[in-house]
Protein backbone atom coordinates (compact mmCIF):
# COMPACT_ATOMS: atom_id res chain seq x y z
CA MET A 1 114.97 101.81 112.05
CA ARG A 2 116.08 100.73 115.52
CA PHE A 3 116.13 96.99 114.83
CA ASP A 4 118.18 95.09 112.31
CA GLU A 5 116.22 92.90 109.89
CA PRO A 6 116.72 89.54 111.69
CA THR A 7 115.61 91.09 115.00
CA ARG A 8 112.62 92.79 113.39
CA LEU A 9 111.54 89.50 111.79
CA ARG A 10 111.96 87.61 115.07
CA LEU A 11 109.87 90.22 116.94
CA ARG A 12 107.23 90.13 114.22
CA ARG A 13 107.06 86.32 114.49
CA HIS A 14 106.57 86.62 118.28
CA LEU A 15 103.75 89.10 117.75
CA LEU A 16 102.06 86.86 115.19
CA ASP A 17 102.42 83.84 117.48
CA ARG A 18 100.84 85.78 120.33
CA GLY A 19 98.00 86.85 118.05
CA ARG A 20 97.44 83.25 116.97
CA VAL A 21 97.20 82.07 120.60
CA LEU A 22 94.75 84.86 121.46
CA ALA A 23 92.64 84.22 118.35
CA THR A 24 92.44 80.51 119.19
CA LEU A 25 91.30 81.32 122.72
CA LEU A 26 88.73 83.77 121.36
CA ALA A 27 87.37 81.04 119.08
CA ASP A 28 87.15 78.73 122.11
CA VAL A 29 85.24 81.35 124.09
CA LEU A 30 82.85 82.00 121.23
CA ALA A 31 82.28 78.24 121.01
CA GLY A 32 81.18 78.24 124.65
CA LYS A 33 84.33 76.91 126.27
CA ARG A 34 85.47 78.30 129.62
CA ILE A 35 89.04 79.60 129.46
CA GLU A 36 89.31 82.15 132.29
CA GLY A 37 92.25 80.38 133.96
CA ARG A 38 94.25 80.54 130.75
CA LEU A 39 93.64 84.28 130.44
CA HIS A 40 95.41 84.97 133.71
CA VAL A 41 98.44 82.90 132.68
CA LEU A 42 98.66 84.95 129.45
CA GLY A 43 98.44 88.24 131.32
CA VAL A 44 95.09 89.12 129.76
CA ASP A 45 92.97 88.85 132.90
CA ASP A 46 93.68 92.31 134.34
CA GLN A 47 90.42 94.03 133.36
CA PRO A 48 87.74 93.41 136.02
CA GLY A 49 84.18 93.46 134.74
CA MET A 50 85.05 92.61 131.15
CA ARG A 51 83.80 89.42 129.56
CA PRO A 52 86.52 87.00 128.38
CA GLU A 53 85.78 87.74 124.71
CA GLU A 54 86.17 91.48 125.35
CA LYS A 55 89.51 90.90 127.07
CA LEU A 56 90.74 88.76 124.19
CA ARG A 57 89.59 91.19 121.52
CA ARG A 58 91.31 94.02 123.35
CA ALA A 59 94.53 91.99 123.66
CA LEU A 60 94.36 91.10 119.95
CA ASP A 61 93.91 94.77 119.06
CA GLU A 62 96.95 95.67 121.17
CA VAL A 63 99.10 93.00 119.50
CA GLU A 64 97.98 94.19 116.06
CA ALA A 65 98.79 97.81 116.95
CA ARG A 66 102.30 96.78 118.05
CA ARG A 67 102.80 94.79 114.84
CA LYS A 68 101.77 97.77 112.73
CA LEU A 69 104.28 99.99 114.54
CA LEU A 70 107.02 97.43 114.01
CA ASP A 71 106.19 96.94 110.33
CA ALA A 72 106.14 100.69 109.77
CA GLY A 73 109.54 101.10 111.43
CA ASP A 74 107.86 103.44 113.91
CA ASP A 75 110.20 104.43 116.74
CA ARG A 76 107.35 104.01 119.26
CA PHE A 77 107.61 100.22 118.97
CA GLY A 78 109.68 98.94 121.87
CA ARG A 79 109.22 102.07 123.97
CA CYS A 80 107.01 102.72 126.99
CA GLU A 81 103.77 104.45 125.98
CA ILE A 82 103.92 106.53 129.17
CA CYS A 83 107.53 107.71 129.53
CA GLY A 84 109.13 106.68 126.22
CA VAL A 85 111.96 104.66 127.78
CA ASP A 86 113.40 101.95 125.52
CA LEU A 87 112.18 98.55 126.73
CA GLY A 88 115.27 96.82 125.42
CA ALA A 89 115.78 93.95 123.02
CA LEU A 90 115.98 91.38 125.82
CA ALA A 91 112.57 92.33 127.24
CA LEU A 92 111.02 92.53 123.78
CA GLY A 93 112.45 89.11 122.99
CA GLU A 94 110.42 87.74 125.89
CA MET A 95 107.31 89.86 125.33
CA ALA A 96 107.31 91.57 121.93
CA TRP A 97 103.84 93.01 122.57
CA ALA A 98 105.00 94.98 125.62
CA ASP A 99 104.03 98.62 125.52
CA ARG A 100 105.08 99.82 128.97
CA CYS A 101 108.17 99.78 131.13
CA ARG A 102 108.25 98.05 134.49
CA ALA A 103 107.51 101.31 136.34
CA HIS A 104 104.32 101.90 134.31
CA ALA A 105 103.19 98.31 133.74
CA HIS A 106 100.16 98.54 136.04
CA ARG A 107 98.67 101.77 134.72
């Protein structure tokens, strides 16, 4: 495992917090509230043509996939999906759900 237990638990907590925020926004959308401005701030608004609930469900699925990798001790957690470079503990501390390096972030 690449992360010691305190780091793994901290990253897991960040993932769960992110999931909670996204799930709350999804509930708001399903209740008829308009939340588009908040999606952009969260970095979820990058899929043109998708409805807000689709964007949120996709983001929730991505967070859950990252959590599963972390819980399984899978070496792919914390690495770029494209090139495999290690994202680094500092970057993951800021954005534990990251799945791409800076060079591949917009693909």
